[in-house]
C-alpha cells in the first residue's frame, strides 16, 4: 500500500442489493482489487475527491445506481468533496499514481 492509499476508502458495487459496500484492502493495493465487471466508489479524503470507477464490462444500470449512491457516500465525509467519474483504461495520471496503476504504454 502506498502512502496516498492510506487516505482512501473503497466501496464495491453489490448487484444483489444494488448498493455499495465498503471493502478492506489493508494488505493489498487498490489496483489489485479493481475488477472490469464492477464499479467502485473510491473516497480520497486527502484531496476531498470521490471517484466512481467504471469497469469496462459494466452496464448502464450499474452506472446509474453508482451516480445515485455516490452523493450518499460523499455526505458521510463532507459535502465539499468533488465527485468524478472515471472509466477503466481512461484514468488520469493523478488517479493512476494514487492507486498504483501502471500504464500499458510504460
PDB file of N, CA and C in Angstrom:
ATOM      1  N   UNK A   1       0.862  -1.175   0.000  1.00  0.00           N
ATOM      2  CA  UNK A   1       0.000   0.000   0.000  1.00  0.00           C
ATOM      3  C   UNK A   1       0.901   1.228   0.000  1.00  0.00           C
ATOM      4  N   UNK A   2       0.666   2.140  -0.951  1.00  0.00           N
ATOM      5  CA  UNK A   2       1.470   3.349  -0.968  1.00  0.00           C
ATOM      6  C   UNK A   2       0.928   4.357   0.040  1.00  0.00           C
ATOM      7  N   UNK A   3       1.707   5.396   0.290  1.00  0.00           N
ATOM      8  CA  UNK A   3       1.352   6.387   1.322  1.00  0.00           C
ATOM      9  C   UNK A   3       0.004   7.042   1.059  1.00  0.00           C
ATOM     10  N   UNK A   4      -0.282   7.377  -0.197  1.00  0.00           N
ATOM     11  CA  UNK A   4      -1.541   8.044  -0.513  1.00  0.00           C
ATOM     12  C   UNK A   4      -2.747   7.135  -0.309  1.00  0.00           C
ATOM     13  N   UNK A   5      -2.561   5.837  -0.454  1.00  0.00           N
ATOM     14  CA  UNK A   5      -3.680   4.911  -0.286  1.00  0.00           C
ATOM     15  C   UNK A   5      -4.207   4.886   1.146  1.00  0.00           C
ATOM     16  N   UNK A   6      -3.414   5.351   2.104  1.00  0.00           N
ATOM     17  CA  UNK A   6      -3.863   5.389   3.500  1.00  0.00           C
ATOM     18  C   UNK A   6      -5.025   6.354   3.690  1.00  0.00           C
ATOM     19  N   UNK A   7      -5.164   7.324   2.795  1.00  0.00           N
ATOM     20  CA  UNK A   7      -6.251   8.293   2.867  1.00  0.00           C
ATOM     21  C   UNK A   7      -7.445   7.876   2.020  1.00  0.00           C
ATOM     22  N   UNK A   8      -7.446   6.650   1.520  1.00  0.00           N
ATOM     23  CA  UNK A   8      -8.502   6.197   0.622  1.00  0.00           C
ATOM     24  C   UNK A   8      -9.419   5.188   1.303  1.00  0.00           C
ATOM     25  N   UNK A   9     -10.669   5.207   0.862  1.00  0.00           N
ATOM     26  CA  UNK A   9     -11.641   4.193   1.235  1.00  0.00           C
ATOM     27  C   UNK A   9     -12.243   3.711  -0.068  1.00  0.00           C
ATOM     28  N   UNK A  10     -12.583   2.437  -0.129  1.00  0.00           N
ATOM     29  CA  UNK A  10     -13.126   1.900  -1.376  1.00  0.00           C
ATOM     30  C   UNK A  10     -14.423   1.142  -1.091  1.00  0.00           C
ATOM     31  N   UNK A  11     -15.391   1.391  -1.973  1.00  0.00           N
ATOM     32  CA  UNK A  11     -16.698   0.753  -1.893  1.00  0.00           C
ATOM     33  C   UNK A  11     -16.926   0.004  -3.199  1.00  0.00           C
ATOM     34  N   UNK A  12     -17.392  -1.230  -3.100  1.00  0.00           N
ATOM     35  CA  UNK A  12     -17.615  -2.079  -4.271  1.00  0.00           C
ATOM     36  C   UNK A  12     -19.109  -2.254  -4.490  1.00  0.00           C
ATOM     37  N   UNK A  13     -19.517  -2.225  -5.763  1.00  0.00           N
ATOM     38  CA  UNK A  13     -20.926  -2.401  -6.108  1.00  0.00           C
ATOM     39  C   UNK A  13     -21.345  -3.840  -5.846  1.00  0.00           C
ATOM     40  N   UNK A  14     -22.445  -4.006  -5.140  1.00  0.00           N
ATOM     41  CA  UNK A  14     -23.022  -5.323  -4.862  1.00  0.00           C
ATOM     42  C   UNK A  14     -24.340  -5.394  -5.607  1.00  0.00           C
ATOM     43  N   UNK A  15     -24.347  -6.159  -6.706  1.00  0.00           N
ATOM     44  CA  UNK A  15     -25.554  -6.227  -7.544  1.00  0.00           C
ATOM     45  C   UNK A  15     -26.749  -6.810  -6.802  1.00  0.00           C
ATOM     46  N   UNK A  16     -26.507  -7.700  -5.857  1.00  0.00           N
ATOM     47  CA  UNK A  16     -27.593  -8.331  -5.122  1.00  0.00           C
ATOM     48  C   UNK A  16     -28.463  -7.336  -4.381  1.00  0.00           C
ATOM     49  N   UNK A  17     -27.842  -6.326  -3.801  1.00  0.00           N
ATOM     50  CA  UNK A  17     -28.602  -5.313  -3.044  1.00  0.00           C
ATOM     51  C   UNK A  17     -28.625  -3.965  -3.768  1.00  0.00           C
ATOM     52  N   UNK A  18     -27.996  -3.932  -4.942  1.00  0.00           N
ATOM     53  CA  UNK A  18     -27.911  -2.716  -5.757  1.00  0.00           C
ATOM     54  C   UNK A  18     -27.440  -1.524  -4.933  1.00  0.00           C
ATOM     55  N   UNK A  19     -26.344  -1.758  -4.236  1.00  0.00           N
ATOM     56  CA  UNK A  19     -25.761  -0.726  -3.390  1.00  0.00           C
ATOM     57  C   UNK A  19     -24.255  -0.975  -3.298  1.00  0.00           C
ATOM     58  N   UNK A  20     -23.564  -0.110  -2.580  1.00  0.00           N
ATOM     59  CA  UNK A  20     -22.119  -0.221  -2.419  1.00  0.00           C
ATOM     60  C   UNK A  20     -21.778  -0.634  -1.003  1.00  0.00           C
ATOM     61  N   UNK A  21     -20.801  -1.513  -0.892  1.00  0.00           N
ATOM     62  CA  UNK A  21     -20.333  -1.994   0.402  1.00  0.00           C
ATOM     63  C   UNK A  21     -18.851  -1.650   0.522  1.00  0.00           C
ATOM     64  N   UNK A  22     -18.458  -1.117   1.676  1.00  0.00           N
ATOM     65  CA  UNK A  22     -17.048  -0.807   1.888  1.00  0.00           C
ATOM     66  C   UNK A  22     -16.252  -2.106   1.948  1.00  0.00           C
ATOM     67  N   UNK A  23     -15.088  -2.090   1.328  1.00  0.00           N
ATOM     68  CA  UNK A  23     -14.219  -3.263   1.390  1.00  0.00           C
ATOM     69  C   UNK A  23     -12.873  -2.857   1.981  1.00  0.00           C
ATOM     70  N   UNK A  24     -12.277  -3.794   2.684  1.00  0.00           N
ATOM     71  CA  UNK A  24     -10.958  -3.586   3.285  1.00  0.00           C
ATOM     72  C   UNK A  24      -9.886  -3.955   2.272  1.00  0.00           C
ATOM     73  N   UNK A  25      -8.812  -3.193   2.277  1.00  0.00           N
ATOM     74  CA  UNK A  25      -7.718  -3.501   1.355  1.00  0.00           C
ATOM     75  C   UNK A  25      -6.363  -3.289   2.019  1.00  0.00           C
ATOM     76  N   UNK A  26      -6.315  -3.465   3.325  1.00  0.00           N
ATOM     77  CA  UNK A  26      -5.108  -3.177   4.099  1.00  0.00           C
ATOM     78  C   UNK A  26      -3.874  -3.919   3.589  1.00  0.00           C
ATOM     79  N   UNK A  27      -4.030  -5.136   3.138  1.00  0.00           N
ATOM     80  CA  UNK A  27      -2.873  -5.916   2.707  1.00  0.00           C
ATOM     81  C   UNK A  27      -2.705  -5.959   1.192  1.00  0.00           C
ATOM     82  N   UNK A  28      -3.489  -5.152   0.471  1.00  0.00           N
ATOM     83  CA  UNK A  28      -3.410  -5.122  -0.990  1.00  0.00           C
ATOM     84  C   UNK A  28      -3.402  -3.681  -1.478  1.00  0.00           C
ATOM     85  N   UNK A  29      -2.961  -3.513  -2.713  1.00  0.00           N
ATOM     86  CA  UNK A  29      -3.090  -2.211  -3.358  1.00  0.00           C
ATOM     87  C   UNK A  29      -4.435  -2.177  -4.063  1.00  0.00           C
ATOM     88  N   UNK A  30      -5.015  -0.992  -4.190  1.00  0.00           N
ATOM     89  CA  UNK A  30      -6.336  -0.865  -4.803  1.00  0.00           C
ATOM     90  C   UNK A  30      -6.343  -1.445  -6.206  1.00  0.00           C
ATOM     91  N   UNK A  31      -5.294  -1.226  -6.967  1.00  0.00           N
ATOM     92  CA  UNK A  31      -5.253  -1.724  -8.349  1.00  0.00           C
ATOM     93  C   UNK A  31      -5.446  -3.230  -8.412  1.00  0.00           C
ATOM     94  N   UNK A  32      -5.076  -3.951  -7.358  1.00  0.00           N
ATOM     95  CA  UNK A  32      -5.250  -5.396  -7.322  1.00  0.00           C
ATOM     96  C   UNK A  32      -6.711  -5.788  -7.117  1.00  0.00           C
ATOM     97  N   UNK A  33      -7.515  -4.877  -6.593  1.00  0.00           N
ATOM     98  CA  UNK A  33      -8.919  -5.153  -6.306  1.00  0.00           C
ATOM     99  C   UNK A  33      -9.839  -4.860  -7.482  1.00  0.00           C
ATOM    100  N   UNK A  34      -9.445  -3.921  -8.336  1.00  0.00           N
ATOM    101  CA  UNK A  34     -10.331  -3.459  -9.400  1.00  0.00           C
ATOM    102  C   UNK A  34     -10.662  -4.577 -10.382  1.00  0.00           C
ATOM    103  N   UNK A  35     -11.953  -4.742 -10.619  1.00  0.00           N
ATOM    104  CA  UNK A  35     -12.469  -5.806 -11.476  1.00  0.00           C
ATOM    105  C   UNK A  35     -13.262  -5.150 -12.603  1.00  0.00           C
ATOM    106  N   UNK A  36     -12.974  -5.497 -13.836  1.00  0.00           N
ATOM    107  CA  UNK A  36     -13.633  -4.893 -15.003  1.00  0.00           C
ATOM    108  C   UNK A  36     -15.140  -5.088 -15.023  1.00  0.00           C
ATOM    109  N   UNK A  37     -15.648  -6.046 -14.261  1.00  0.00           N
ATOM    110  CA  UNK A  37     -17.084  -6.314 -14.231  1.00  0.00           C
ATOM    111  C   UNK A  37     -17.827  -5.507 -13.168  1.00  0.00           C
ATOM    112  N   UNK A  38     -17.104  -4.681 -12.422  1.00  0.00           N
ATOM    113  CA  UNK A  38     -17.712  -3.967 -11.301  1.00  0.00           C
ATOM    114  C   UNK A  38     -17.472  -2.469 -11.368  1.00  0.00           C
ATOM    115  N   UNK A  39     -18.176  -1.772 -10.506  1.00  0.00           N
ATOM    116  CA  UNK A  39     -17.986  -0.334 -10.318  1.00  0.00           C
ATOM    117  C   UNK A  39     -17.555  -0.137  -8.878  1.00  0.00           C
ATOM    118  N   UNK A  40     -16.611   0.774  -8.682  1.00  0.00           N
ATOM    119  CA  UNK A  40     -16.114   1.082  -7.350  1.00  0.00           C
ATOM    120  C   UNK A  40     -16.277   2.572  -7.091  1.00  0.00           C
ATOM    121  N   UNK A  41     -16.537   2.901  -5.859  1.00  0.00           N
ATOM    122  CA  UNK A  41     -16.504   4.295  -5.428  1.00  0.00           C
ATOM    123  C   UNK A  41     -15.304   4.399  -4.499  1.00  0.00           C
ATOM    124  N   UNK A  42     -14.388   5.281  -4.860  1.00  0.00           N
ATOM    125  CA  UNK A  42     -13.157   5.448  -4.095  1.00  0.00           C
ATOM    126  C   UNK A  42     -13.170   6.847  -3.491  1.00  0.00           C
ATOM    127  N   UNK A  43     -13.068   6.905  -2.178  1.00  0.00           N
ATOM    128  CA  UNK A  43     -13.073   8.169  -1.455  1.00  0.00           C
ATOM    129  C   UNK A  43     -11.626   8.537  -1.152  1.00  0.00           C
ATOM    130  N   UNK A  44     -11.217   9.692  -1.645  1.00  0.00           N
ATOM    131  CA  UNK A  44      -9.877  10.217  -1.388  1.00  0.00           C
ATOM    132  C   UNK A  44     -10.031  11.348  -0.369  1.00  0.00           C
ATOM    133  N   UNK A  45      -9.830  11.030   0.892  1.00  0.00           N
ATOM    134  CA  UNK A  45     -10.018  12.022   1.960  1.00  0.00           C
ATOM    135  C   UNK A  45      -8.982  13.127   1.901  1.00  0.00           C
ATOM    136  N   UNK A  46      -7.788  12.840   1.429  1.00  0.00           N
ATOM    137  CA  UNK A  46      -6.727  13.843   1.369  1.00  0.00           C
ATOM    138  C   UNK A  46      -7.060  14.958   0.375  1.00  0.00           C
ATOM    139  N   UNK A  47      -7.508  14.583  -0.832  1.00  0.00           N
ATOM    140  CA  UNK A  47      -7.824  15.561  -1.878  1.00  0.00           C
ATOM    141  C   UNK A  47      -9.296  15.945  -1.922  1.00  0.00           C
ATOM    142  N   UNK A  48     -10.099  15.377  -1.013  1.00  0.00           N
ATOM    143  CA  UNK A  48     -11.541  15.638  -0.973  1.00  0.00           C
ATOM    144  C   UNK A  48     -12.201  15.356  -2.320  1.00  0.00           C
ATOM    145  N   UNK A  49     -11.913  14.148  -2.818  1.00  0.00           N
ATOM    146  CA  UNK A  49     -12.495  13.704  -4.090  1.00  0.00           C
ATOM    147  C   UNK A  49     -13.128  12.333  -3.903  1.00  0.00           C
ATOM    148  N   UNK A  50     -14.167  12.108  -4.686  1.00  0.00           N
ATOM    149  CA  UNK A  50     -14.796  10.798  -4.747  1.00  0.00           C
ATOM    150  C   UNK A  50     -14.804  10.388  -6.211  1.00  0.00           C
ATOM    151  N   UNK A  51     -14.196   9.240  -6.473  1.00  0.00           N
ATOM    152  CA  UNK A  51     -14.117   8.744  -7.841  1.00  0.00           C
ATOM    153  C   UNK A  51     -15.091   7.586  -8.009  1.00  0.00           C
ATOM    154  N   UNK A  52     -15.838   7.637  -9.081  1.00  0.00           N
ATOM    155  CA  UNK A  52     -16.669   6.490  -9.468  1.00  0.00           C
ATOM    156  C   UNK A  52     -15.913   5.818 -10.608  1.00  0.00           C
ATOM    157  N   UNK A  53     -15.324   4.658 -10.320  1.00  0.00           N
ATOM    158  CA  UNK A  53     -14.534   3.935 -11.309  1.00  0.00           C
ATOM    159  C   UNK A  53     -15.413   2.888 -11.963  1.00  0.00           C
ATOM    160  N   UNK A  54     -15.629   3.046 -13.279  1.00  0.00           N
ATOM    161  CA  UNK A  54     -16.468   2.117 -14.044  1.00  0.00           C
ATOM    162  C   UNK A  54     -15.586   1.079 -14.722  1.00  0.00           C
ATOM    163  N   UNK A  55     -15.761  -0.180 -14.367  1.00  0.00           N
ATOM    164  CA  UNK A  55     -15.070  -1.249 -15.080  1.00  0.00           C
ATOM    165  C   UNK A  55     -15.566  -1.299 -16.516  1.00  0.00           C
ATOM    166  N   UNK A  56     -14.736  -1.757 -17.414  1.00  0.00           N
ATOM    167  CA  UNK A  56     -15.079  -1.743 -18.842  1.00  0.00           C
ATOM    168  C   UNK A  56     -16.251  -2.658 -19.196  1.00  0.00           C
ATOM    169  N   UNK A  57     -16.592  -3.607 -18.334  1.00  0.00           N
ATOM    170  CA  UNK A  57     -17.691  -4.538 -18.628  1.00  0.00           C
ATOM    171  C   UNK A  57     -18.965  -4.219 -17.842  1.00  0.00           C
ATOM    172  N   UNK A  58     -19.078  -3.014 -17.331  1.00  0.00           N
ATOM    173  CA  UNK A  58     -20.271  -2.663 -16.552  1.00  0.00           C
ATOM    174  C   UNK A  58     -21.362  -2.129 -17.471  1.00  0.00           C
ATOM    175  N   UNK A  59     -22.596  -2.162 -16.975  1.00  0.00           N
ATOM    176  CA  UNK A  59     -23.722  -1.737 -17.802  1.00  0.00           C
ATOM    177  C   UNK A  59     -24.308  -0.398 -17.318  1.00  0.00           C
ATOM    178  N   UNK A  60     -25.222   0.123 -18.103  1.00  0.00           N
ATOM    179  CA  UNK A  60     -25.830   1.426 -17.820  1.00  0.00           C
ATOM    180  C   UNK A  60     -26.557   1.430 -16.479  1.00  0.00           C
ATOM    181  N   UNK A  61     -27.258   0.357 -16.147  1.00  0.00           N
ATOM    182  CA  UNK A  61     -27.986   0.296 -14.884  1.00  0.00           C
ATOM    183  C   UNK A  61     -27.035   0.433 -13.697  1.00  0.00           C
ATOM    184  N   UNK A  62     -25.901  -0.264 -13.756  1.00  0.00           N
ATOM    185  CA  UNK A  62     -24.905  -0.181 -12.684  1.00  0.00           C
ATOM    186  C   UNK A  62     -24.359   1.240 -12.571  1.00  0.00           C
ATOM    187  N   UNK A  63     -24.102   1.868 -13.713  1.00  0.00           N
ATOM    188  CA  UNK A  63     -23.577   3.236 -13.710  1.00  0.00           C
ATOM    189  C   UNK A  63     -24.603   4.208 -13.139  1.00  0.00           C
ATOM    190  N   UNK A  64     -25.869   4.008 -13.459  1.00  0.00           N
ATOM    191  CA  UNK A  64     -26.937   4.860 -12.937  1.00  0.00           C
ATOM    192  C   UNK A  64     -27.008   4.752 -11.412  1.00  0.00           C
ATOM    193  N   UNK A  65     -26.964   3.530 -10.910  1.00  0.00           N
ATOM    194  CA  UNK A  65     -27.016   3.328  -9.456  1.00  0.00           C
ATOM    195  C   UNK A  65     -25.805   3.984  -8.786  1.00  0.00           C
ATOM    196  N   UNK A  66     -24.645   3.856  -9.399  1.00  0.00           N
ATOM    197  CA  UNK A  66     -23.435   4.472  -8.842  1.00  0.00           C
ATOM    198  C   UNK A  66     -23.582   5.983  -8.744  1.00  0.00           C
ATOM    199  N   UNK A  67     -24.187   6.589  -9.763  1.00  0.00           N
ATOM    200  CA  UNK A  67     -24.371   8.051  -9.742  1.00  0.00           C
ATOM    201  C   UNK A  67     -25.351   8.468  -8.652  1.00  0.00           C
ATOM    202  N   UNK A  68     -26.287   7.600  -8.333  1.00  0.00           N
ATOM    203  CA  UNK A  68     -27.246   7.883  -7.265  1.00  0.00           C
ATOM    204  C   UNK A  68     -26.626   7.666  -5.883  1.00  0.00           C
ATOM    205  N   UNK A  69     -25.750   6.694  -5.762  1.00  0.00           N
ATOM    206  CA  UNK A  69     -25.173   6.334  -4.466  1.00  0.00           C
ATOM    207  C   UNK A  69     -23.971   7.196  -4.070  1.00  0.00           C
ATOM    208  N   UNK A  70     -23.218   7.686  -5.046  1.00  0.00           N
ATOM    209  CA  UNK A  70     -22.008   8.460  -4.744  1.00  0.00           C
ATOM    210  C   UNK A  70     -22.287   9.673  -3.842  1.00  0.00           C
ATOM    211  N   UNK A  71     -23.343  10.460  -4.098  1.00  0.00           N
ATOM    212  CA  UNK A  71     -23.606  11.593  -3.196  1.00  0.00           C
ATOM    213  C   UNK A  71     -23.932  11.155  -1.765  1.00  0.00           C
ATOM    214  N   UNK A  72     -24.552  10.000  -1.599  1.00  0.00           N
ATOM    215  CA  UNK A  72     -24.847   9.493  -0.252  1.00  0.00           C
ATOM    216  C   UNK A  72     -23.558   9.171   0.490  1.00  0.00           C
ATOM    217  N   UNK A  73     -22.619   8.562  -0.222  1.00  0.00           N
ATOM    218  CA  UNK A  73     -21.320   8.250   0.376  1.00  0.00           C
ATOM    219  C   UNK A  73     -20.562   9.545   0.647  1.00  0.00           C
ATOM    220  N   UNK A  74     -20.600  10.475  -0.299  1.00  0.00           N
ATOM    221  CA  UNK A  74     -19.931  11.764  -0.118  1.00  0.00           C
ATOM    222  C   UNK A  74     -20.421  12.462   1.146  1.00  0.00           C
ATOM    223  N   UNK A  75     -21.722  12.442   1.369  1.00  0.00           N
ATOM    224  CA  UNK A  75     -22.295  13.142   2.516  1.00  0.00           C
ATOM    225  C   UNK A  75     -21.802  12.589   3.848  1.00  0.00           C
ATOM    226  N   UNK A  76     -21.286  11.372   3.857  1.00  0.00           N
ATOM    227  CA  UNK A  76     -20.720  10.803   5.080  1.00  0.00           C
ATOM    228  C   UNK A  76     -19.380  11.446   5.431  1.00  0.00           C
ATOM    229  N   UNK A  77     -18.718  12.049   4.443  1.00  0.00           N
ATOM    230  CA  UNK A  77     -17.374  12.582   4.638  1.00  0.00           C
ATOM    231  C   UNK A  77     -17.307  14.098   4.538  1.00  0.00           C
ATOM    232  N   UNK A  78     -18.207  14.691   3.784  1.00  0.00           N
ATOM    233  CA  UNK A  78     -18.223  16.140   3.653  1.00  0.00           C
ATOM    234  C   UNK A  78     -18.839  16.555   2.342  1.00  0.00           C
ATOM    235  N   UNK A  79     -19.718  17.523   2.409  1.00  0.00           N
ATOM    236  CA  UNK A  79     -20.424  17.959   1.204  1.00  0.00           C
ATOM    237  C   UNK A  79     -19.508  18.696   0.230  1.00  0.00           C
ATOM    238  N   UNK A  80     -18.292  19.039   0.664  1.00  0.00           N
ATOM    239  CA  UNK A  80     -17.367  19.746  -0.217  1.00  0.00           C
ATOM    240  C   UNK A  80     -16.500  18.795  -1.045  1.00  0.00           C
ATOM    241  N   UNK A  81     -16.726  17.501  -0.941  1.00  0.00           N
ATOM    242  CA  UNK A  81     -15.986  16.537  -1.755  1.00  0.00           C
ATOM    243  C   UNK A  81     -16.503  16.591  -3.191  1.00  0.00           C
ATOM    244  N   UNK A  82     -15.590  16.560  -4.134  1.00  0.00           N
ATOM    245  CA  UNK A  82     -15.922  16.594  -5.558  1.00  0.00           C
ATOM    246  C   UNK A  82     -16.093  15.157  -6.063  1.00  0.00           C
ATOM    247  N   UNK A  83     -17.137  14.915  -6.859  1.00  0.00           N
ATOM    248  CA  UNK A  83     -17.391  13.582  -7.421  1.00  0.00           C
ATOM    249  C   UNK A  83     -16.959  13.567  -8.883  1.00  0.00           C
ATOM    250  N   UNK A  84     -16.138  12.584  -9.230  1.00  0.00           N
ATOM    251  CA  UNK A  84     -15.617  12.442 -10.588  1.00  0.00           C
ATOM    252  C   UNK A  84     -15.858  11.018 -11.083  1.00  0.00           C
ATOM    253  N   UNK A  85     -16.217  10.873 -12.343  1.00  0.00           N
ATOM    254  CA  UNK A  85     -16.392   9.552 -12.952  1.00  0.00           C
ATOM    255  C   UNK A  85     -15.143   9.210 -13.757  1.00  0.00           C
ATOM    256  N   UNK A  86     -14.719   7.968 -13.632  1.00  0.00           N
ATOM    257  CA  UNK A  86     -13.522   7.501 -14.331  1.00  0.00           C
ATOM    258  C   UNK A  86     -13.838   6.162 -14.987  1.00  0.00           C
ATOM    259  N   UNK A  87     -13.523   6.047 -16.259  1.00  0.00           N
ATOM    260  CA  UNK A  87     -13.712   4.793 -16.981  1.00  0.00           C
ATOM    261  C   UNK A  87     -12.405   4.007 -17.000  1.00  0.00           C
ATOM    262  N   UNK A  88     -12.528   2.699 -16.874  1.00  0.00           N
ATOM    263  CA  UNK A  88     -11.354   1.842 -16.949  1.00  0.00           C
ATOM    264  C   UNK A  88     -10.620   2.091 -18.263  1.00  0.00           C
ATOM    265  N   UNK A  89      -9.318   2.127 -18.203  1.00  0.00           N
ATOM    266  CA  UNK A  89      -8.413   2.384 -19.330  1.00  0.00           C
ATOM    267  C   UNK A  89      -8.441   3.830 -19.802  1.00  0.00           C
ATOM    268  N   UNK A  90      -9.124   4.710 -19.054  1.00  0.00           N
ATOM    269  CA  UNK A  90      -9.129   6.142 -19.373  1.00  0.00           C
ATOM    270  C   UNK A  90      -8.869   6.946 -18.095  1.00  0.00           C
ATOM    271  N   UNK A  91      -8.104   6.361 -17.180  1.00  0.00           N
ATOM    272  CA  UNK A  91      -7.811   7.002 -15.913  1.00  0.00           C
ATOM    273  C   UNK A  91      -6.790   8.127 -16.093  1.00  0.00           C
ATOM    274  N   UNK A  92      -6.925   9.160 -15.277  1.00  0.00           N
ATOM    275  CA  UNK A  92      -5.961  10.266 -15.310  1.00  0.00           C
ATOM    276  C   UNK A  92      -4.644   9.804 -14.689  1.00  0.00           C
ATOM    277  N   UNK A  93      -3.578  10.527 -14.985  1.00  0.00           N
ATOM    278  CA  UNK A  93      -2.267  10.216 -14.408  1.00  0.00           C
ATOM    279  C   UNK A  93      -2.315  10.311 -12.885  1.00  0.00           C
ATOM    280  N   UNK A  94      -3.011  11.321 -12.387  1.00  0.00           N
ATOM    281  CA  UNK A  94      -3.133  11.519 -10.935  1.00  0.00           C
ATOM    282  C   UNK A  94      -3.790  10.298 -10.291  1.00  0.00           C
ATOM    283  N   UNK A  95      -4.882   9.823 -10.880  1.00  0.00           N
ATOM    284  CA  UNK A  95      -5.580   8.654 -10.362  1.00  0.00           C
ATOM    285  C   UNK A  95      -4.670   7.434 -10.395  1.00  0.00           C
ATOM    286  N   UNK A  96      -3.986   7.230 -11.519  1.00  0.00           N
ATOM    287  CA  UNK A  96      -3.087   6.086 -11.654  1.00  0.00           C
ATOM    288  C   UNK A  96      -1.990   6.122 -10.599  1.00  0.00           C
ATOM    289  N   UNK A  97      -1.430   7.281 -10.370  1.00  0.00           N
ATOM    290  CA  UNK A  97      -0.375   7.415  -9.371  1.00  0.00           C
ATOM    291  C   UNK A  97      -0.885   7.051  -7.982  1.00  0.00           C
ATOM    292  N   UNK A  98      -2.055   7.532  -7.652  1.00  0.00           N
ATOM    293  CA  UNK A  98      -2.587   7.319  -6.304  1.00  0.00           C
ATOM    294  C   UNK A  98      -2.927   5.861  -6.047  1.00  0.00           C
ATOM    295  N   UNK A  99      -3.506   5.188  -7.023  1.00  0.00           N
ATOM    296  CA  UNK A  99      -3.887   3.798  -6.753  1.00  0.00           C
ATOM    297  C   UNK A  99      -2.887   2.776  -7.289  1.00  0.00           C
ATOM    298  N   UNK A 100      -1.809   3.230  -7.904  1.00  0.00           N
ATOM    299  CA  UNK A 100      -0.738   2.322  -8.299  1.00  0.00           C
ATOM    300  C   UNK A 100      -0.948   1.607  -9.613  1.00  0.00           C
ATOM    301  N   UNK A 101      -1.735   2.179 -10.517  1.00  0.00           N
ATOM    302  CA  UNK A 101      -1.900   1.572 -11.851  1.00  0.00           C
ATOM    303  C   UNK A 101      -0.681   1.926 -12.689  1.00  0.00           C
ATOM    304  N   UNK A 102      -0.161   0.938 -13.365  1.00  0.00           N
ATOM    305  CA  UNK A 102       0.946   1.164 -14.277  1.00  0.00           C
ATOM    306  C   UNK A 102       0.397   1.162 -15.691  1.00  0.00           C
ATOM    307  N   UNK A 103       0.658   2.224 -16.422  1.00  0.00           N
ATOM    308  CA  UNK A 103       0.158   2.352 -17.780  1.00  0.00           C
ATOM    309  C   UNK A 103       0.657   1.215 -18.664  1.00  0.00           C
ATOM    310  N   UNK A 104      -0.193   0.752 -19.598  1.00  0.00           N
ATOM    311  CA  UNK A 104       0.195  -0.298 -20.542  1.00  0.00           C
ATOM    312  C   UNK A 104       1.332   0.154 -21.450  1.00  0.00           C
ATOM    313  N   UNK A 105       1.448   1.470 -21.662  1.00  0.00           N
ATOM    314  CA  UNK A 105       2.483   2.005 -22.529  1.00  0.00           C
ATOM    315  C   UNK A 105       3.837   2.034 -21.807  1.00  0.00           C
ATOM    316  N   UNK A 106       3.830   1.916 -20.484  1.00  0.00           N
ATOM    317  CA  UNK A 106       5.075   2.010 -19.722  1.00  0.00           C
ATOM    318  C   UNK A 106       5.784   0.691 -19.640  1.00  0.00           C
TER     319      UNK A 106
END
